[in-house]
Amino acid sequence: MEIYSAENIPNKKIVKFFKSHWGSSEMVLSSGVYDCSKLDGFAIVNDKEEIIGLITYIIKGKEIEIISLDSIDEGKGIGTFLVQEIEKHAVKKTCNAVRLITTNDNLSALKFYQKRGFVLKNIINNAVNKARKLKPEIPLIGNNGIPIRDEIELIKKLD
């Protein structure tokens, strides 16, 4: 797998990627409102020069916060590879933890991150209801028919 810094991928390609997967590149979380197409990150590109995996992040103090993680072909190690790249990058930047926020319906993300050493840190009740005021297209019902209401913060301390 070939990994690239997001700054080395044409921005229009990143914007197109987010629009096709999320409807827009805007992400609204309790930690802030982000245009993912303008964030630092890493991408994996296939031999046709298509993005097949993309992770974006911000650095806050001594922590890296993952804002988005997408893998086109799940189960092939793309997401794991991107998270490992963020962890290596965090160490280079002298960060001591990687954190992220996901929604209560995203059971696959909760499983994915916990298998990779992340632990639950905080539940932000009704955070998604607040986010909908800024981004009304966030659906009411998510994965597995679960109402999307809360955010779950996960963290992984780095040695």
N, C-alpha and C. Protein backbone atom coordinates (compact mmCIF):
# COMPACT_ATOMS: atom_id res chain seq x y z
N MET A 1 0.85 -1.19 0.00
CA MET A 1 0.00 0.00 0.00
C MET A 1 0.88 1.24 0.00
N GLU A 2 0.56 2.14 -0.87
CA GLU A 2 1.29 3.40 -0.98
C GLU A 2 0.53 4.47 -0.21
N ILE A 3 1.24 5.10 0.73
CA ILE A 3 0.60 6.14 1.55
C ILE A 3 1.19 7.50 1.19
N TYR A 4 0.33 8.49 1.15
CA TYR A 4 0.73 9.85 0.81
C TYR A 4 0.21 10.82 1.87
N SER A 5 0.95 11.88 2.09
CA SER A 5 0.43 12.98 2.89
C SER A 5 -0.71 13.61 2.08
N ALA A 6 -1.78 13.99 2.75
CA ALA A 6 -2.94 14.57 2.05
C ALA A 6 -2.55 15.83 1.28
N GLU A 7 -1.53 16.52 1.75
CA GLU A 7 -1.12 17.74 1.03
C GLU A 7 -0.54 17.44 -0.34
N ASN A 8 -0.20 16.17 -0.60
CA ASN A 8 0.33 15.77 -1.91
C ASN A 8 -0.74 15.21 -2.84
N ILE A 9 -2.00 15.27 -2.40
CA ILE A 9 -3.13 14.81 -3.22
C ILE A 9 -3.88 16.07 -3.67
N PRO A 10 -4.26 16.16 -4.94
CA PRO A 10 -5.02 17.35 -5.37
C PRO A 10 -6.27 17.54 -4.52
N ASN A 11 -6.46 18.78 -4.05
CA ASN A 11 -7.58 19.07 -3.16
C ASN A 11 -8.92 18.71 -3.78
N LYS A 12 -9.08 18.92 -5.09
CA LYS A 12 -10.36 18.60 -5.73
C LYS A 12 -10.66 17.10 -5.64
N LYS A 13 -9.63 16.28 -5.62
CA LYS A 13 -9.81 14.84 -5.48
C LYS A 13 -10.28 14.49 -4.06
N ILE A 14 -9.74 15.20 -3.08
CA ILE A 14 -10.14 14.98 -1.69
C ILE A 14 -11.58 15.45 -1.47
N VAL A 15 -11.92 16.62 -2.00
CA VAL A 15 -13.29 17.14 -1.89
C VAL A 15 -14.27 16.15 -2.52
N LYS A 16 -13.95 15.65 -3.70
CA LYS A 16 -14.81 14.68 -4.39
C LYS A 16 -14.98 13.42 -3.55
N PHE A 17 -13.89 12.95 -2.93
CA PHE A 17 -13.94 11.77 -2.08
C PHE A 17 -14.94 11.99 -0.93
N PHE A 18 -14.82 13.12 -0.23
CA PHE A 18 -15.72 13.39 0.90
C PHE A 18 -17.16 13.56 0.44
N LYS A 19 -17.37 14.24 -0.67
CA LYS A 19 -18.74 14.44 -1.16
C LYS A 19 -19.39 13.11 -1.51
N SER A 20 -18.61 12.18 -2.09
CA SER A 20 -19.20 10.89 -2.47
C SER A 20 -19.47 10.00 -1.26
N HIS A 21 -18.74 10.20 -0.16
CA HIS A 21 -18.92 9.34 1.01
C HIS A 21 -19.75 9.97 2.13
N TRP A 22 -19.70 11.30 2.25
CA TRP A 22 -20.36 11.97 3.36
C TRP A 22 -21.33 13.07 2.92
N GLY A 23 -21.42 13.34 1.63
CA GLY A 23 -22.30 14.41 1.16
C GLY A 23 -21.61 15.77 1.12
N SER A 24 -20.59 15.93 1.97
CA SER A 24 -19.78 17.15 1.97
C SER A 24 -18.50 16.86 2.75
N SER A 25 -17.59 17.81 2.71
CA SER A 25 -16.34 17.63 3.45
C SER A 25 -16.44 18.23 4.85
N GLU A 26 -17.61 18.75 5.21
CA GLU A 26 -17.79 19.36 6.53
C GLU A 26 -18.13 18.29 7.56
N MET A 27 -17.42 18.33 8.68
CA MET A 27 -17.66 17.42 9.80
C MET A 27 -17.98 18.27 11.02
N VAL A 28 -19.12 17.98 11.65
CA VAL A 28 -19.53 18.71 12.84
C VAL A 28 -19.46 17.77 14.03
N LEU A 29 -18.58 18.09 14.97
CA LEU A 29 -18.39 17.29 16.18
C LEU A 29 -18.46 18.22 17.39
N SER A 30 -18.58 17.64 18.56
CA SER A 30 -18.58 18.47 19.76
C SER A 30 -17.24 19.18 19.94
N SER A 31 -16.18 18.67 19.33
CA SER A 31 -14.87 19.30 19.43
C SER A 31 -14.68 20.44 18.42
N GLY A 32 -15.62 20.60 17.48
CA GLY A 32 -15.52 21.69 16.53
C GLY A 32 -16.18 21.38 15.20
N VAL A 33 -16.13 22.34 14.30
CA VAL A 33 -16.64 22.19 12.93
C VAL A 33 -15.42 22.23 12.02
N TYR A 34 -15.28 21.21 11.17
CA TYR A 34 -14.08 21.05 10.37
C TYR A 34 -14.42 20.85 8.90
N ASP A 35 -13.62 21.45 8.03
CA ASP A 35 -13.66 21.14 6.61
C ASP A 35 -12.55 20.12 6.40
N CYS A 36 -12.93 18.87 6.31
CA CYS A 36 -11.95 17.77 6.24
C CYS A 36 -11.02 17.89 5.03
N SER A 37 -11.48 18.55 3.96
CA SER A 37 -10.64 18.69 2.77
C SER A 37 -9.47 19.63 3.01
N LYS A 38 -9.51 20.38 4.11
CA LYS A 38 -8.44 21.33 4.41
C LYS A 38 -7.57 20.88 5.58
N LEU A 39 -7.86 19.70 6.12
CA LEU A 39 -7.10 19.21 7.27
C LEU A 39 -5.87 18.42 6.83
N ASP A 40 -4.92 18.31 7.73
CA ASP A 40 -3.78 17.41 7.51
C ASP A 40 -4.30 15.98 7.53
N GLY A 41 -3.58 15.12 6.84
CA GLY A 41 -4.00 13.72 6.83
C GLY A 41 -3.10 12.87 5.96
N PHE A 42 -3.53 11.63 5.80
CA PHE A 42 -2.82 10.67 4.97
C PHE A 42 -3.84 9.94 4.10
N ALA A 43 -3.41 9.59 2.90
CA ALA A 43 -4.29 8.89 1.97
C ALA A 43 -3.57 7.68 1.38
N ILE A 44 -4.35 6.68 1.08
CA ILE A 44 -3.86 5.53 0.33
C ILE A 44 -4.56 5.57 -1.02
N VAL A 45 -3.75 5.44 -2.06
CA VAL A 45 -4.23 5.56 -3.43
C VAL A 45 -3.94 4.25 -4.15
N ASN A 46 -4.90 3.81 -4.96
CA ASN A 46 -4.69 2.57 -5.71
C ASN A 46 -3.92 2.84 -7.01
N ASP A 47 -3.71 1.80 -7.82
CA ASP A 47 -2.92 1.95 -9.04
C ASP A 47 -3.63 2.79 -10.11
N LYS A 48 -4.93 3.07 -9.92
CA LYS A 48 -5.66 3.96 -10.84
C LYS A 48 -5.66 5.40 -10.32
N GLU A 49 -4.86 5.64 -9.27
CA GLU A 49 -4.75 6.95 -8.63
C GLU A 49 -6.05 7.41 -7.98
N GLU A 50 -6.86 6.45 -7.52
CA GLU A 50 -8.09 6.75 -6.79
C GLU A 50 -7.82 6.59 -5.31
N ILE A 51 -8.39 7.48 -4.51
CA ILE A 51 -8.25 7.37 -3.05
C ILE A 51 -9.07 6.18 -2.58
N ILE A 52 -8.42 5.27 -1.86
CA ILE A 52 -9.15 4.11 -1.31
C ILE A 52 -9.15 4.13 0.22
N GLY A 53 -8.42 5.07 0.79
CA GLY A 53 -8.41 5.25 2.23
C GLY A 53 -7.93 6.65 2.55
N LEU A 54 -8.54 7.27 3.57
CA LEU A 54 -8.18 8.65 3.91
C LEU A 54 -8.44 8.88 5.39
N ILE A 55 -7.45 9.47 6.06
CA ILE A 55 -7.60 9.83 7.47
C ILE A 55 -7.20 11.29 7.60
N THR A 56 -7.98 12.06 8.38
CA THR A 56 -7.64 13.45 8.64
C THR A 56 -7.54 13.65 10.15
N TYR A 57 -6.77 14.68 10.53
CA TYR A 57 -6.53 14.89 11.95
C TYR A 57 -6.21 16.35 12.23
N ILE A 58 -6.27 16.67 13.52
CA ILE A 58 -5.77 17.94 14.02
C ILE A 58 -4.91 17.63 15.25
N ILE A 59 -4.02 18.54 15.57
CA ILE A 59 -3.22 18.40 16.78
C ILE A 59 -3.72 19.44 17.77
N LYS A 60 -4.05 18.96 18.98
CA LYS A 60 -4.48 19.84 20.08
C LYS A 60 -3.56 19.55 21.25
N GLY A 61 -2.69 20.47 21.54
CA GLY A 61 -1.75 20.27 22.64
C GLY A 61 -0.88 19.05 22.38
N LYS A 62 -0.95 18.08 23.26
CA LYS A 62 -0.14 16.86 23.15
C LYS A 62 -0.95 15.68 22.63
N GLU A 63 -2.10 15.97 22.00
CA GLU A 63 -2.92 14.89 21.44
C GLU A 63 -3.21 15.15 19.97
N ILE A 64 -3.30 14.06 19.22
CA ILE A 64 -3.80 14.12 17.85
C ILE A 64 -5.25 13.64 17.91
N GLU A 65 -6.13 14.41 17.31
CA GLU A 65 -7.53 13.99 17.21
C GLU A 65 -7.81 13.58 15.77
N ILE A 66 -8.22 12.34 15.60
CA ILE A 66 -8.67 11.86 14.29
C ILE A 66 -10.04 12.48 14.04
N ILE A 67 -10.17 13.19 12.94
CA ILE A 67 -11.45 13.81 12.59
C ILE A 67 -12.25 12.89 11.66
N SER A 68 -11.57 12.24 10.72
CA SER A 68 -12.27 11.32 9.82
C SER A 68 -11.35 10.16 9.46
N LEU A 69 -11.96 9.03 9.24
CA LEU A 69 -11.27 7.84 8.73
C LEU A 69 -12.22 7.12 7.81
N ASP A 70 -11.79 6.94 6.57
CA ASP A 70 -12.61 6.23 5.59
C ASP A 70 -11.76 5.22 4.85
N SER A 71 -12.32 4.04 4.67
CA SER A 71 -11.69 3.00 3.88
C SER A 71 -12.72 2.48 2.90
N ILE A 72 -12.38 2.48 1.62
CA ILE A 72 -13.31 2.03 0.59
C ILE A 72 -13.51 0.52 0.63
N ASP A 73 -12.45 -0.19 0.90
CA ASP A 73 -12.46 -1.64 0.84
C ASP A 73 -12.19 -2.19 2.24
N GLU A 74 -13.24 -2.32 3.05
CA GLU A 74 -13.08 -2.74 4.44
C GLU A 74 -12.55 -4.17 4.52
N GLY A 75 -11.80 -4.43 5.60
CA GLY A 75 -11.26 -5.76 5.83
C GLY A 75 -9.94 -6.05 5.12
N LYS A 76 -9.36 -5.05 4.48
CA LYS A 76 -8.10 -5.23 3.74
C LYS A 76 -6.91 -4.60 4.47
N GLY A 77 -7.13 -4.04 5.66
CA GLY A 77 -6.05 -3.45 6.43
C GLY A 77 -5.79 -1.98 6.15
N ILE A 78 -6.60 -1.36 5.31
CA ILE A 78 -6.39 0.04 4.95
C ILE A 78 -6.59 0.95 6.16
N GLY A 79 -7.69 0.78 6.88
CA GLY A 79 -7.96 1.60 8.06
C GLY A 79 -6.89 1.41 9.13
N THR A 80 -6.50 0.17 9.35
CA THR A 80 -5.45 -0.12 10.34
C THR A 80 -4.15 0.57 9.96
N PHE A 81 -3.78 0.48 8.69
CA PHE A 81 -2.55 1.09 8.20
C PHE A 81 -2.58 2.60 8.42
N LEU A 82 -3.72 3.23 8.16
CA LEU A 82 -3.85 4.68 8.34
C LEU A 82 -3.78 5.07 9.81
N VAL A 83 -4.41 4.30 10.68
CA VAL A 83 -4.35 4.60 12.11
C VAL A 83 -2.92 4.43 12.62
N GLN A 84 -2.24 3.39 12.16
CA GLN A 84 -0.83 3.20 12.55
C GLN A 84 0.03 4.36 12.08
N GLU A 85 -0.25 4.89 10.90
CA GLU A 85 0.49 6.05 10.39
C GLU A 85 0.26 7.26 11.28
N ILE A 86 -0.98 7.46 11.73
CA ILE A 86 -1.28 8.57 12.65
C ILE A 86 -0.53 8.39 13.96
N GLU A 87 -0.48 7.16 14.46
CA GLU A 87 0.22 6.91 15.72
C GLU A 87 1.71 7.21 15.57
N LYS A 88 2.31 6.81 14.46
CA LYS A 88 3.74 7.12 14.21
C LYS A 88 3.94 8.63 14.11
N HIS A 89 3.03 9.29 13.42
CA HIS A 89 3.10 10.74 13.26
C HIS A 89 2.96 11.43 14.61
N ALA A 90 2.08 10.93 15.46
CA ALA A 90 1.88 11.49 16.80
C ALA A 90 3.18 11.45 17.60
N VAL A 91 3.87 10.33 17.52
CA VAL A 91 5.14 10.19 18.25
C VAL A 91 6.15 11.20 17.72
N LYS A 92 6.23 11.37 16.39
CA LYS A 92 7.14 12.35 15.79
C LYS A 92 6.83 13.77 16.27
N LYS A 93 5.56 14.05 16.48
CA LYS A 93 5.13 15.38 16.91
C LYS A 93 5.12 15.51 18.43
N THR A 94 5.68 14.53 19.12
CA THR A 94 5.74 14.44 20.59
C THR A 94 4.37 14.49 21.25
N CYS A 95 3.38 13.93 20.59
CA CYS A 95 2.06 13.79 21.20
C CYS A 95 2.06 12.51 22.04
N ASN A 96 1.22 12.51 23.07
CA ASN A 96 1.18 11.33 23.95
C ASN A 96 -0.11 10.54 23.83
N ALA A 97 -1.01 10.95 22.94
CA ALA A 97 -2.27 10.22 22.79
C ALA A 97 -2.90 10.52 21.43
N VAL A 98 -3.72 9.58 20.98
CA VAL A 98 -4.57 9.77 19.80
C VAL A 98 -5.99 9.62 20.30
N ARG A 99 -6.83 10.55 19.92
CA ARG A 99 -8.23 10.48 20.34
C ARG A 99 -9.14 10.67 19.13
N LEU A 100 -10.41 10.35 19.31
CA LEU A 100 -11.39 10.53 18.25
C LEU A 100 -12.78 10.55 18.85
N ILE A 101 -13.72 10.97 18.06
CA ILE A 101 -15.13 10.98 18.45
C ILE A 101 -15.90 10.24 17.36
N THR A 102 -16.80 9.36 17.79
CA THR A 102 -17.71 8.71 16.87
C THR A 102 -19.12 8.78 17.46
N THR A 103 -20.09 8.37 16.68
CA THR A 103 -21.47 8.42 17.17
C THR A 103 -21.89 7.08 17.76
N ASN A 104 -22.93 7.13 18.57
CA ASN A 104 -23.40 5.95 19.30
C ASN A 104 -23.87 4.82 18.39
N ASP A 105 -24.24 5.11 17.17
CA ASP A 105 -24.71 4.07 16.25
C ASP A 105 -23.58 3.36 15.51
N ASN A 106 -22.38 3.91 15.57
CA ASN A 106 -21.28 3.41 14.75
C ASN A 106 -20.56 2.25 15.44
N LEU A 107 -21.26 1.14 15.52
CA LEU A 107 -20.74 -0.04 16.21
C LEU A 107 -19.49 -0.58 15.54
N SER A 108 -19.41 -0.47 14.21
CA SER A 108 -18.21 -0.98 13.52
C SER A 108 -16.99 -0.14 13.89
N ALA A 109 -17.15 1.18 14.04
CA ALA A 109 -16.02 2.02 14.45
C ALA A 109 -15.63 1.71 15.89
N LEU A 110 -16.61 1.54 16.75
CA LEU A 110 -16.31 1.21 18.15
C LEU A 110 -15.53 -0.10 18.23
N LYS A 111 -15.94 -1.08 17.45
CA LYS A 111 -15.23 -2.36 17.43
C LYS A 111 -13.82 -2.19 16.85
N PHE A 112 -13.73 -1.50 15.74
CA PHE A 112 -12.45 -1.29 15.06
C PHE A 112 -11.42 -0.63 16.00
N TYR A 113 -11.80 0.48 16.61
CA TYR A 113 -10.85 1.21 17.43
C TYR A 113 -10.49 0.47 18.72
N GLN A 114 -11.47 -0.17 19.35
CA GLN A 114 -11.16 -0.89 20.58
C GLN A 114 -10.22 -2.07 20.33
N LYS A 115 -10.36 -2.72 19.17
CA LYS A 115 -9.45 -3.80 18.82
C LYS A 115 -8.03 -3.30 18.63
N ARG A 116 -7.87 -2.01 18.39
CA ARG A 116 -6.55 -1.41 18.15
C ARG A 116 -6.04 -0.62 19.35
N GLY A 117 -6.61 -0.91 20.53
CA GLY A 117 -6.09 -0.36 21.77
C GLY A 117 -6.73 0.92 22.27
N PHE A 118 -7.74 1.42 21.59
CA PHE A 118 -8.44 2.61 22.06
C PHE A 118 -9.42 2.21 23.16
N VAL A 119 -9.62 3.11 24.11
CA VAL A 119 -10.58 2.87 25.19
C VAL A 119 -11.60 4.00 25.22
N LEU A 120 -12.79 3.68 25.73
CA LEU A 120 -13.84 4.69 25.86
C LEU A 120 -13.43 5.69 26.92
N LYS A 121 -13.54 6.96 26.60
CA LYS A 121 -13.14 8.00 27.54
C LYS A 121 -14.33 8.80 28.05
N ASN A 122 -15.28 9.08 27.15
CA ASN A 122 -16.35 9.99 27.51
C ASN A 122 -17.55 9.76 26.60
N ILE A 123 -18.74 9.95 27.14
CA ILE A 123 -19.96 9.96 26.33
C ILE A 123 -20.54 11.36 26.43
N ILE A 124 -20.78 11.95 25.26
CA ILE A 124 -21.33 13.30 25.21
C ILE A 124 -22.80 13.15 24.79
N ASN A 125 -23.68 13.15 25.78
CA ASN A 125 -25.10 12.94 25.53
C ASN A 125 -25.69 14.07 24.68
N ASN A 126 -26.51 13.68 23.73
CA ASN A 126 -27.24 14.60 22.84
C ASN A 126 -26.35 15.51 22.01
N ALA A 127 -25.09 15.17 21.84
CA ALA A 127 -24.18 16.00 21.04
C ALA A 127 -24.62 16.08 19.58
N VAL A 128 -25.17 15.00 19.05
CA VAL A 128 -25.55 14.99 17.64
C VAL A 128 -26.77 15.87 17.41
N ASN A 129 -27.66 15.93 18.38
CA ASN A 129 -28.81 16.83 18.26
C ASN A 129 -28.31 18.28 18.12
N LYS A 130 -27.27 18.64 18.85
CA LYS A 130 -26.69 19.99 18.74
C LYS A 130 -26.01 20.16 17.39
N ALA A 131 -25.32 19.13 16.92
CA ALA A 131 -24.63 19.19 15.63
C ALA A 131 -25.61 19.39 14.48
N ARG A 132 -26.81 18.82 14.60
CA ARG A 132 -27.82 18.96 13.54
C ARG A 132 -28.25 20.41 13.34
N LYS A 133 -28.10 21.23 14.37
CA LYS A 133 -28.44 22.65 14.22
C LYS A 133 -27.49 23.32 13.23
N LEU A 134 -26.26 22.81 13.13
CA LEU A 134 -25.28 23.34 12.19
C LEU A 134 -25.26 22.57 10.88
N LYS A 135 -25.61 21.28 10.95
CA LYS A 135 -25.59 20.43 9.76
C LYS A 135 -26.86 19.57 9.78
N PRO A 136 -27.99 20.14 9.33
CA PRO A 136 -29.29 19.46 9.44
C PRO A 136 -29.40 18.16 8.64
N GLU A 137 -28.47 17.92 7.70
CA GLU A 137 -28.56 16.69 6.91
C GLU A 137 -28.07 15.46 7.67
N ILE A 138 -27.57 15.62 8.89
CA ILE A 138 -27.20 14.45 9.69
C ILE A 138 -28.47 13.66 9.95
N PRO A 139 -28.48 12.37 9.57
CA PRO A 139 -29.72 11.59 9.72
C PRO A 139 -30.10 11.36 11.17
N LEU A 140 -31.38 11.14 11.39
CA LEU A 140 -31.88 10.82 12.74
C LEU A 140 -31.58 9.38 13.12
N ILE A 141 -31.64 8.50 12.11
CA ILE A 141 -31.41 7.07 12.34
C ILE A 141 -30.15 6.66 11.60
N GLY A 142 -29.30 5.90 12.28
CA GLY A 142 -28.02 5.52 11.70
C GLY A 142 -27.92 4.03 11.46
N ASN A 143 -26.70 3.54 11.60
CA ASN A 143 -26.40 2.13 11.37
C ASN A 143 -27.28 1.23 12.24
N ASN A 144 -27.72 0.13 11.67
CA ASN A 144 -28.52 -0.88 12.37
C ASN A 144 -29.82 -0.33 12.95
N GLY A 145 -30.33 0.77 12.38
CA GLY A 145 -31.59 1.35 12.85
C GLY A 145 -31.49 2.05 14.20
N ILE A 146 -30.28 2.36 14.63
CA ILE A 146 -30.06 3.00 15.94
C ILE A 146 -30.21 4.51 15.80
N PRO A 147 -31.05 5.14 16.64
CA PRO A 147 -31.13 6.60 16.60
C PRO A 147 -29.77 7.22 16.93
N ILE A 148 -29.36 8.20 16.12
CA ILE A 148 -28.08 8.87 16.34
C ILE A 148 -28.32 10.06 17.27
N ARG A 149 -27.76 9.98 18.47
CA ARG A 149 -27.95 11.04 19.46
C ARG A 149 -26.64 11.49 20.10
N ASP A 150 -25.83 10.52 20.49
CA ASP A 150 -24.69 10.80 21.35
C ASP A 150 -23.37 10.62 20.61
N GLU A 151 -22.33 11.25 21.16
CA GLU A 151 -20.98 11.04 20.68
C GLU A 151 -20.22 10.26 21.73
N ILE A 152 -19.31 9.43 21.28
CA ILE A 152 -18.47 8.64 22.16
C ILE A 152 -17.02 9.01 21.84
N GLU A 153 -16.30 9.43 22.86
CA GLU A 153 -14.90 9.78 22.71
C GLU A 153 -14.05 8.58 23.10
N LEU A 154 -13.09 8.26 22.23
CA LEU A 154 -12.14 7.18 22.50
C LEU A 154 -10.73 7.75 22.51
N ILE A 155 -9.83 7.10 23.24
CA ILE A 155 -8.47 7.58 23.33
C ILE A 155 -7.51 6.41 23.41
N LYS A 156 -6.33 6.61 22.86
CA LYS A 156 -5.26 5.64 22.97
C LYS A 156 -4.01 6.38 23.43
N LYS A 157 -3.52 6.02 24.60
CA LYS A 157 -2.29 6.61 25.13
C LYS A 157 -1.12 5.97 24.40
N LEU A 158 -0.12 6.76 24.07
CA LEU A 158 1.05 6.27 23.37
C LEU A 158 2.23 6.20 24.33
N ASP A 159 3.06 5.19 24.15
CA ASP A 159 4.23 5.02 25.04
C ASP A 159 5.34 5.96 24.65
